[in-house]
PDB file of N, CA and C in Angstrom:
ATOM      1  N   MET A   1     177.993 115.539  86.729  1.00  0.00           N
ATOM      2  CA  MET A   1     178.686 116.733  87.153  1.00  0.00           C
ATOM      3  C   MET A   1     179.095 117.571  85.948  1.00  0.00           C
ATOM      4  N   LYS A   2     179.571 116.884  84.903  1.00  0.00           N
ATOM      5  CA  LYS A   2     180.005 117.585  83.710  1.00  0.00           C
ATOM      6  C   LYS A   2     178.834 118.317  83.057  1.00  0.00           C
ATOM      7  N   ALA A   3     177.662 117.694  83.066  1.00  0.00           N
ATOM      8  CA  ALA A   3     176.481 118.316  82.461  1.00  0.00           C
ATOM      9  C   ALA A   3     176.076 119.575  83.224  1.00  0.00           C
ATOM     10  N   VAL A   4     176.212 119.551  84.540  1.00  0.00           N
ATOM     11  CA  VAL A   4     175.866 120.721  85.355  1.00  0.00           C
ATOM     12  C   VAL A   4     176.786 121.883  85.017  1.00  0.00           C
ATOM     13  N   LEU A   5     178.063 121.606  84.863  1.00  0.00           N
ATOM     14  CA  LEU A   5     179.012 122.655  84.510  1.00  0.00           C
ATOM     15  C   LEU A   5     178.720 123.234  83.129  1.00  0.00           C
ATOM     16  N   ILE A   6     178.322 122.387  82.212  1.00  0.00           N
ATOM     17  CA  ILE A   6     177.991 122.853  80.870  1.00  0.00           C
ATOM     18  C   ILE A   6     176.769 123.759  80.912  1.00  0.00           C
ATOM     19  N   VAL A   7     175.766 123.376  81.698  1.00  0.00           N
ATOM     20  CA  VAL A   7     174.550 124.193  81.818  1.00  0.00           C
ATOM     21  C   VAL A   7     174.886 125.553  82.421  1.00  0.00           C
ATOM     22  N   ILE A   8     175.716 125.571  83.436  1.00  0.00           N
ATOM     23  CA  ILE A   8     176.115 126.842  84.052  1.00  0.00           C
ATOM     24  C   ILE A   8     176.888 127.695  83.042  1.00  0.00           C
ATOM     25  N   PHE A   9     177.761 127.055  82.287  1.00  0.00           N
ATOM     26  CA  PHE A   9     178.521 127.770  81.272  1.00  0.00           C
ATOM     27  C   PHE A   9     177.593 128.378  80.223  1.00  0.00           C
ATOM     28  N   PHE A  10     176.585 127.613  79.787  1.00  0.00           N
ATOM     29  CA  PHE A  10     175.615 128.118  78.809  1.00  0.00           C
ATOM     30  C   PHE A  10     174.831 129.290  79.381  1.00  0.00           C
ATOM     31  N   ALA A  11     174.468 129.201  80.639  1.00  0.00           N
ATOM     32  CA  ALA A  11     173.700 130.276  81.261  1.00  0.00           C
ATOM     33  C   ALA A  11     174.513 131.569  81.310  1.00  0.00           C
ATOM     34  N   LEU A  12     175.803 131.447  81.540  1.00  0.00           N
ATOM     35  CA  LEU A  12     176.656 132.627  81.584  1.00  0.00           C
ATOM     36  C   LEU A  12     176.878 133.233  80.201  1.00  0.00           C
ATOM     37  N   LEU A  13     176.816 132.416  79.178  1.00  0.00           N
ATOM     38  CA  LEU A  13     177.000 132.908  77.814  1.00  0.00           C
ATOM     39  C   LEU A  13     175.772 133.632  77.273  1.00  0.00           C
ATOM     40  N   GLY A  14     174.650 133.455  77.893  1.00  0.00           N
ATOM     41  CA  GLY A  14     173.447 134.096  77.401  1.00  0.00           C
ATOM     42  C   GLY A  14     172.694 133.239  76.402  1.00  0.00           C
ATOM     43  N   GLN A  15     173.085 132.017  76.231  1.00  0.00           N
ATOM     44  CA  GLN A  15     172.404 131.054  75.385  1.00  0.00           C
ATOM     45  C   GLN A  15     172.183 131.535  73.960  1.00  0.00           C
ATOM     46  N   SER A  16     173.235 131.817  73.276  1.00  0.00           N
ATOM     47  CA  SER A  16     173.064 132.117  71.861  1.00  0.00           C
ATOM     48  C   SER A  16     172.746 130.815  71.133  1.00  0.00           C
ATOM     49  N   VAL A  17     172.138 130.941  69.978  1.00  0.00           N
ATOM     50  CA  VAL A  17     171.734 129.770  69.212  1.00  0.00           C
ATOM     51  C   VAL A  17     172.949 128.994  68.724  1.00  0.00           C
ATOM     52  N   ASP A  18     174.091 129.656  68.642  1.00  0.00           N
ATOM     53  CA  ASP A  18     175.313 128.966  68.216  1.00  0.00           C
ATOM     54  C   ASP A  18     175.669 127.813  69.146  1.00  0.00           C
ATOM     55  N   VAL A  19     175.347 127.947  70.403  1.00  0.00           N
ATOM     56  CA  VAL A  19     175.635 126.880  71.367  1.00  0.00           C
ATOM     57  C   VAL A  19     174.830 125.640  71.006  1.00  0.00           C
ATOM     58  N   TYR A  20     173.563 125.827  70.673  1.00  0.00           N
ATOM     59  CA  TYR A  20     172.716 124.692  70.285  1.00  0.00           C
ATOM     60  C   TYR A  20     173.196 124.086  68.967  1.00  0.00           C
ATOM     61  N   ARG A  21     173.550 124.953  68.035  1.00  0.00           N
ATOM     62  CA  ARG A  21     174.009 124.483  66.731  1.00  0.00           C
ATOM     63  C   ARG A  21     175.279 123.656  66.879  1.00  0.00           C
ATOM     64  N   ASN A  22     176.209 124.123  67.690  1.00  0.00           N
ATOM     65  CA  ASN A  22     177.455 123.380  67.901  1.00  0.00           C
ATOM     66  C   ASN A  22     177.212 122.057  68.603  1.00  0.00           C
ATOM     67  N   ALA A  23     176.296 122.055  69.561  1.00  0.00           N
ATOM     68  CA  ALA A  23     175.973 120.801  70.248  1.00  0.00           C
ATOM     69  C   ALA A  23     175.385 119.805  69.263  1.00  0.00           C
ATOM     70  N   TYR A  24     174.527 120.290  68.371  1.00  0.00           N
ATOM     71  CA  TYR A  24     173.929 119.398  67.375  1.00  0.00           C
ATOM     72  C   TYR A  24     174.980 118.876  66.395  1.00  0.00           C
ATOM     73  N   LYS A  25     175.873 119.748  65.964  1.00  0.00           N
ATOM     74  CA  LYS A  25     176.901 119.343  65.007  1.00  0.00           C
ATOM     75  C   LYS A  25     177.841 118.297  65.580  1.00  0.00           C
ATOM     76  N   THR A  26     178.201 118.449  66.861  1.00  0.00           N
ATOM     77  CA  THR A  26     179.153 117.513  67.460  1.00  0.00           C
ATOM     78  C   THR A  26     178.510 116.166  67.789  1.00  0.00           C
ATOM     79  N   GLN A  27     177.181 116.147  67.972  1.00  0.00           N
ATOM     80  CA  GLN A  27     176.463 114.933  68.360  1.00  0.00           C
ATOM     81  C   GLN A  27     177.011 114.354  69.665  1.00  0.00           C
ATOM     82  N   ASN A  28     177.565 115.226  70.510  1.00  0.00           N
ATOM     83  CA  ASN A  28     178.098 114.833  71.808  1.00  0.00           C
ATOM     84  C   ASN A  28     176.926 114.677  72.781  1.00  0.00           C
ATOM     85  N   GLU A  29     176.800 113.504  73.354  1.00  0.00           N
ATOM     86  CA  GLU A  29     175.669 113.204  74.239  1.00  0.00           C
ATOM     87  C   GLU A  29     175.585 114.167  75.414  1.00  0.00           C
ATOM     88  N   ASP A  30     176.708 114.467  76.054  1.00  0.00           N
ATOM     89  CA  ASP A  30     176.701 115.355  77.219  1.00  0.00           C
ATOM     90  C   ASP A  30     176.229 116.758  76.851  1.00  0.00           C
ATOM     91  N   LYS A  31     176.717 117.270  75.736  1.00  0.00           N
ATOM     92  CA  LYS A  31     176.327 118.614  75.313  1.00  0.00           C
ATOM     93  C   LYS A  31     174.856 118.673  74.930  1.00  0.00           C
ATOM     94  N   ILE A  32     174.396 117.670  74.219  1.00  0.00           N
ATOM     95  CA  ILE A  32     172.997 117.651  73.788  1.00  0.00           C
ATOM     96  C   ILE A  32     172.071 117.544  74.986  1.00  0.00           C
ATOM     97  N   LEU A  33     172.386 116.674  75.921  1.00  0.00           N
ATOM     98  CA  LEU A  33     171.537 116.524  77.096  1.00  0.00           C
ATOM     99  C   LEU A  33     171.583 117.764  77.989  1.00  0.00           C
ATOM    100  N   ALA A  34     172.736 118.427  78.039  1.00  0.00           N
ATOM    101  CA  ALA A  34     172.836 119.666  78.815  1.00  0.00           C
ATOM    102  C   ALA A  34     171.978 120.758  78.181  1.00  0.00           C
ATOM    103  N   CYS A  35     172.032 120.860  76.861  1.00  0.00           N
ATOM    104  CA  CYS A  35     171.191 121.845  76.168  1.00  0.00           C
ATOM    105  C   CYS A  35     169.716 121.517  76.351  1.00  0.00           C
ATOM    106  N   LEU A  36     169.389 120.247  76.274  1.00  0.00           N
ATOM    107  CA  LEU A  36     168.004 119.823  76.465  1.00  0.00           C
ATOM    108  C   LEU A  36     167.514 120.179  77.863  1.00  0.00           C
ATOM    109  N   ASP A  37     168.332 119.919  78.864  1.00  0.00           N
ATOM    110  CA  ASP A  37     167.958 120.263  80.242  1.00  0.00           C
ATOM    111  C   ASP A  37     167.764 121.765  80.397  1.00  0.00           C
ATOM    112  N   PHE A  38     168.652 122.535  79.783  1.00  0.00           N
ATOM    113  CA  PHE A  38     168.532 123.981  79.880  1.00  0.00           C
ATOM    114  C   PHE A  38     167.259 124.463  79.195  1.00  0.00           C
ATOM    115  N   LEU A  39     166.973 123.922  78.023  1.00  0.00           N
ATOM    116  CA  LEU A  39     165.776 124.344  77.298  1.00  0.00           C
ATOM    117  C   LEU A  39     164.496 123.908  78.005  1.00  0.00           C
ATOM    118  N   GLU A  40     164.532 122.771  78.678  1.00  0.00           N
ATOM    119  CA  GLU A  40     163.361 122.332  79.432  1.00  0.00           C
ATOM    120  C   GLU A  40     163.057 123.290  80.582  1.00  0.00           C
ATOM    121  N   ASP A  41     164.093 123.823  81.198  1.00  0.00           N
ATOM    122  CA  ASP A  41     163.911 124.726  82.330  1.00  0.00           C
ATOM    123  C   ASP A  41     163.585 126.154  81.904  1.00  0.00           C
ATOM    124  N   LYS A  42     163.868 126.483  80.674  1.00  0.00           N
ATOM    125  CA  LYS A  42     163.647 127.844  80.195  1.00  0.00           C
ATOM    126  C   LYS A  42     162.147 128.109  80.033  1.00  0.00           C
ATOM    127  N   LYS A  43     161.687 129.218  80.576  1.00  0.00           N
ATOM    128  CA  LYS A  43     160.261 129.541  80.575  1.00  0.00           C
ATOM    129  C   LYS A  43     159.746 129.910  79.188  1.00  0.00           C
ATOM    130  N   SER A  44     160.418 130.840  78.516  1.00  0.00           N
ATOM    131  CA  SER A  44     159.977 131.240  77.178  1.00  0.00           C
ATOM    132  C   SER A  44     161.099 130.976  76.187  1.00  0.00           C
ATOM    133  N   LYS A  45     160.743 130.324  75.091  1.00  0.00           N
ATOM    134  CA  LYS A  45     161.722 129.964  74.074  1.00  0.00           C
ATOM    135  C   LYS A  45     161.376 130.662  72.766  1.00  0.00           C
ATOM    136  N   THR A  46     162.403 131.025  72.014  1.00  0.00           N
ATOM    137  CA  THR A  46     162.169 131.541  70.674  1.00  0.00           C
ATOM    138  C   THR A  46     161.755 130.374  69.781  1.00  0.00           C
ATOM    139  N   GLU A  47     161.310 130.664  68.573  1.00  0.00           N
ATOM    140  CA  GLU A  47     160.907 129.596  67.666  1.00  0.00           C
ATOM    141  C   GLU A  47     162.072 128.679  67.333  1.00  0.00           C
ATOM    142  N   LEU A  48     163.242 129.268  67.147  1.00  0.00           N
ATOM    143  CA  LEU A  48     164.417 128.468  66.836  1.00  0.00           C
ATOM    144  C   LEU A  48     164.819 127.588  68.017  1.00  0.00           C
ATOM    145  N   GLU A  49     164.711 128.113  69.222  1.00  0.00           N
ATOM    146  CA  GLU A  49     165.004 127.314  70.414  1.00  0.00           C
ATOM    147  C   GLU A  49     163.997 126.179  70.567  1.00  0.00           C
ATOM    148  N   GLN A  50     162.757 126.423  70.214  1.00  0.00           N
ATOM    149  CA  GLN A  50     161.743 125.365  70.269  1.00  0.00           C
ATOM    150  C   GLN A  50     162.058 124.257  69.267  1.00  0.00           C
ATOM    151  N   CYS A  51     162.556 124.640  68.096  1.00  0.00           N
ATOM    152  CA  CYS A  51     162.950 123.641  67.099  1.00  0.00           C
ATOM    153  C   CYS A  51     164.129 122.801  67.590  1.00  0.00           C
ATOM    154  N   TYR A  52     165.127 123.465  68.157  1.00  0.00           N
ATOM    155  CA  TYR A  52     166.262 122.720  68.708  1.00  0.00           C
ATOM    156  C   TYR A  52     165.810 121.834  69.860  1.00  0.00           C
ATOM    157  N   TYR A  53     164.883 122.303  70.665  1.00  0.00           N
ATOM    158  CA  TYR A  53     164.353 121.501  71.758  1.00  0.00           C
ATOM    159  C   TYR A  53     163.719 120.217  71.221  1.00  0.00           C
ATOM    160  N   ALA A  54     162.930 120.345  70.155  1.00  0.00           N
ATOM    161  CA  ALA A  54     162.283 119.182  69.558  1.00  0.00           C
ATOM    162  C   ALA A  54     163.314 118.202  69.002  1.00  0.00           C
ATOM    163  N   VAL A  55     164.329 118.724  68.341  1.00  0.00           N
ATOM    164  CA  VAL A  55     165.381 117.867  67.784  1.00  0.00           C
ATOM    165  C   VAL A  55     166.157 117.178  68.901  1.00  0.00           C
ATOM    166  N   PHE A  56     166.453 117.911  69.965  1.00  0.00           N
ATOM    167  CA  PHE A  56     167.188 117.309  71.078  1.00  0.00           C
ATOM    168  C   PHE A  56     166.355 116.237  71.773  1.00  0.00           C
ATOM    169  N   LEU A  57     165.041 116.398  71.800  1.00  0.00           N
ATOM    170  CA  LEU A  57     164.184 115.339  72.342  1.00  0.00           C
ATOM    171  C   LEU A  57     164.297 114.074  71.498  1.00  0.00           C
ATOM    172  N   CYS A  58     164.296 114.241  70.188  1.00  0.00           N
ATOM    173  CA  CYS A  58     164.446 113.078  69.303  1.00  0.00           C
ATOM    174  C   CYS A  58     165.810 112.414  69.502  1.00  0.00           C
ATOM    175  N   LEU A  59     166.847 113.215  69.655  1.00  0.00           N
ATOM    176  CA  LEU A  59     168.185 112.655  69.870  1.00  0.00           C
ATOM    177  C   LEU A  59     168.313 111.984  71.228  1.00  0.00           C
ATOM    178  N   LYS A  60     167.563 112.462  72.208  1.00  0.00           N
ATOM    179  CA  LYS A  60     167.592 111.847  73.537  1.00  0.00           C
ATOM    180  C   LYS A  60     167.149 110.386  73.443  1.00  0.00           C
ATOM    181  N   ALA A  61     166.250 110.102  72.515  1.00  0.00           N
ATOM    182  CA  ALA A  61     165.797 108.722  72.322  1.00  0.00           C
ATOM    183  C   ALA A  61     166.950 107.820  71.922  1.00  0.00           C
ATOM    184  N   ASP A  62     167.888 108.349  71.163  1.00  0.00           N
ATOM    185  CA  ASP A  62     169.043 107.568  70.738  1.00  0.00           C
ATOM    186  C   ASP A  62     169.948 107.221  71.918  1.00  0.00           C
ATOM    187  N   TYR A  63     169.996 108.093  72.923  1.00  0.00           N
ATOM    188  CA  TYR A  63     170.895 107.886  74.053  1.00  0.00           C
ATOM    189  C   TYR A  63     170.274 107.085  75.186  1.00  0.00           C
ATOM    190  N   SER A  64     168.992 106.860  75.135  1.00  0.00           N
ATOM    191  CA  SER A  64     168.304 106.150  76.210  1.00  0.00           C
ATOM    192  C   SER A  64     168.367 104.649  75.987  1.00  0.00           C
ATOM    193  N   SER A  65     168.359 103.899  77.085  1.00  0.00           N
ATOM    194  CA  SER A  65     168.371 102.440  76.961  1.00  0.00           C
ATOM    195  C   SER A  65     166.992 101.829  77.236  1.00  0.00           C
ATOM    196  N   ASN A  66     166.109 102.594  77.864  1.00  0.00           N
ATOM    197  CA  ASN A  66     164.765 102.123  78.170  1.00  0.00           C
ATOM    198  C   ASN A  66     163.877 102.287  76.935  1.00  0.00           C
ATOM    199  N   PRO A  67     163.263 101.210  76.444  1.00  0.00           N
ATOM    200  CA  PRO A  67     162.438 101.308  75.232  1.00  0.00           C
ATOM    201  C   PRO A  67     161.264 102.289  75.373  1.00  0.00           C
ATOM    202  N   TYR A  68     160.640 102.328  76.539  1.00  0.00           N
ATOM    203  CA  TYR A  68     159.527 103.246  76.738  1.00  0.00           C
ATOM    204  C   TYR A  68     160.006 104.697  76.676  1.00  0.00           C
ATOM    205  N   THR A  69     161.146 104.989  77.290  1.00  0.00           N
ATOM    206  CA  THR A  69     161.702 106.338  77.265  1.00  0.00           C
ATOM    207  C   THR A  69     162.088 106.724  75.839  1.00  0.00           C
ATOM    208  N   LYS A  70     162.667 105.774  75.100  1.00  0.00           N
ATOM    209  CA  LYS A  70     163.010 106.028  73.703  1.00  0.00           C
ATOM    210  C   LYS A  70     161.765 106.408  72.909  1.00  0.00           C
ATOM    211  N   TYR A  71     160.731 105.612  73.049  1.00  0.00           N
ATOM    212  CA  TYR A  71     159.489 105.826  72.298  1.00  0.00           C
ATOM    213  C   TYR A  71     158.846 107.158  72.668  1.00  0.00           C
ATOM    214  N   LYS A  72     158.742 107.419  73.948  1.00  0.00           N
ATOM    215  CA  LYS A  72     158.094 108.645  74.420  1.00  0.00           C
ATOM    216  C   LYS A  72     158.881 109.882  73.990  1.00  0.00           C
ATOM    217  N   SER A  73     160.186 109.856  74.154  1.00  0.00           N
ATOM    218  CA  SER A  73     161.021 110.998  73.818  1.00  0.00           C
ATOM    219  C   SER A  73     160.973 111.292  72.320  1.00  0.00           C
ATOM    220  N   PHE A  74     161.099 110.253  71.501  1.00  0.00           N
ATOM    221  CA  PHE A  74     161.078 110.465  70.060  1.00  0.00           C
ATOM    222  C   PHE A  74     159.716 110.972  69.598  1.00  0.00           C
ATOM    223  N   ASN A  75     158.650 110.372  70.082  1.00  0.00           N
ATOM    224  CA  ASN A  75     157.314 110.802  69.655  1.00  0.00           C
ATOM    225  C   ASN A  75     157.012 112.234  70.069  1.00  0.00           C
ATOM    226  N   ASN A  76     157.414 112.619  71.278  1.00  0.00           N
ATOM    227  CA  ASN A  76     157.195 114.002  71.724  1.00  0.00           C
ATOM    228  C   ASN A  76     157.974 114.988  70.856  1.00  0.00           C
ATOM    229  N   GLY A  77     159.231 114.675  70.598  1.00  0.00           N
ATOM    230  CA  GLY A  77     160.047 115.548  69.761  1.00  0.00           C
ATOM    231  C   GLY A  77     159.545 115.615  68.337  1.00  0.00           C
ATOM    232  N   TYR A  78     159.150 114.470  67.783  1.00  0.00           N
ATOM    233  CA  TYR A  78     158.660 114.421  66.411  1.00  0.00           C
ATOM    234  C   TYR A  78     157.346 115.185  66.270  1.00  0.00           C
ATOM    235  N   ALA A  79     156.449 115.025  67.220  1.00  0.00           N
ATOM    236  CA  ALA A  79     155.171 115.744  67.180  1.00  0.00           C
ATOM    237  C   ALA A  79     155.396 117.253  67.270  1.00  0.00           C
ATOM    238  N   LEU A  80     156.320 117.654  68.111  1.00  0.00           N
ATOM    239  CA  LEU A  80     156.626 119.081  68.245  1.00  0.00           C
ATOM    240  C   LEU A  80     157.218 119.628  66.946  1.00  0.00           C
ATOM    241  N   LEU A  81     158.103 118.880  66.327  1.00  0.00           N
ATOM    242  CA  LEU A  81     158.664 119.311  65.044  1.00  0.00           C
ATOM    243  C   LEU A  81     157.586 119.403  63.967  1.00  0.00           C
ATOM    244  N   GLN A  82     156.710 118.429  63.934  1.00  0.00           N
ATOM    245  CA  GLN A  82     155.634 118.443  62.946  1.00  0.00           C
ATOM    246  C   GLN A  82     154.717 119.644  63.132  1.00  0.00           C
ATOM    247  N   SER A  83     154.516 120.057  64.362  1.00  0.00           N
ATOM    248  CA  SER A  83     153.660 121.226  64.612  1.00  0.00           C
ATOM    249  C   SER A  83     154.297 122.507  64.068  1.00  0.00           C
ATOM    250  N   PHE A  84     155.625 122.562  64.028  1.00  0.00           N
ATOM    251  CA  PHE A  84     156.300 123.725  63.483  1.00  0.00           C
ATOM    252  C   PHE A  84     156.289 123.729  61.966  1.00  0.00           C
ATOM    253  N   ILE A  85     156.354 122.541  61.389  1.00  0.00           N
ATOM    254  CA  ILE A  85     156.376 122.445  59.929  1.00  0.00           C
ATOM    255  C   ILE A  85     154.993 122.728  59.398  1.00  0.00           C
TER     256      ILE A  85
END
């Protein structure tokens, strides 16, 4: 429920990059997963949003308890980051 409220709050703010930066700085699981969910649903992302999306995918691996989900999430995020570099 808390994640849904955060996503709605982000949508009302217009999703400035500061929201992603603050979520990353705090390393708060709820905020990071809410940002990740929002970015997954977003149709077109800026380059910076794509980078944050990749980083949040890697961080999602840290929060998961399923080894397969950890592996898949980290590899997808890492591959996406490597494509930008």
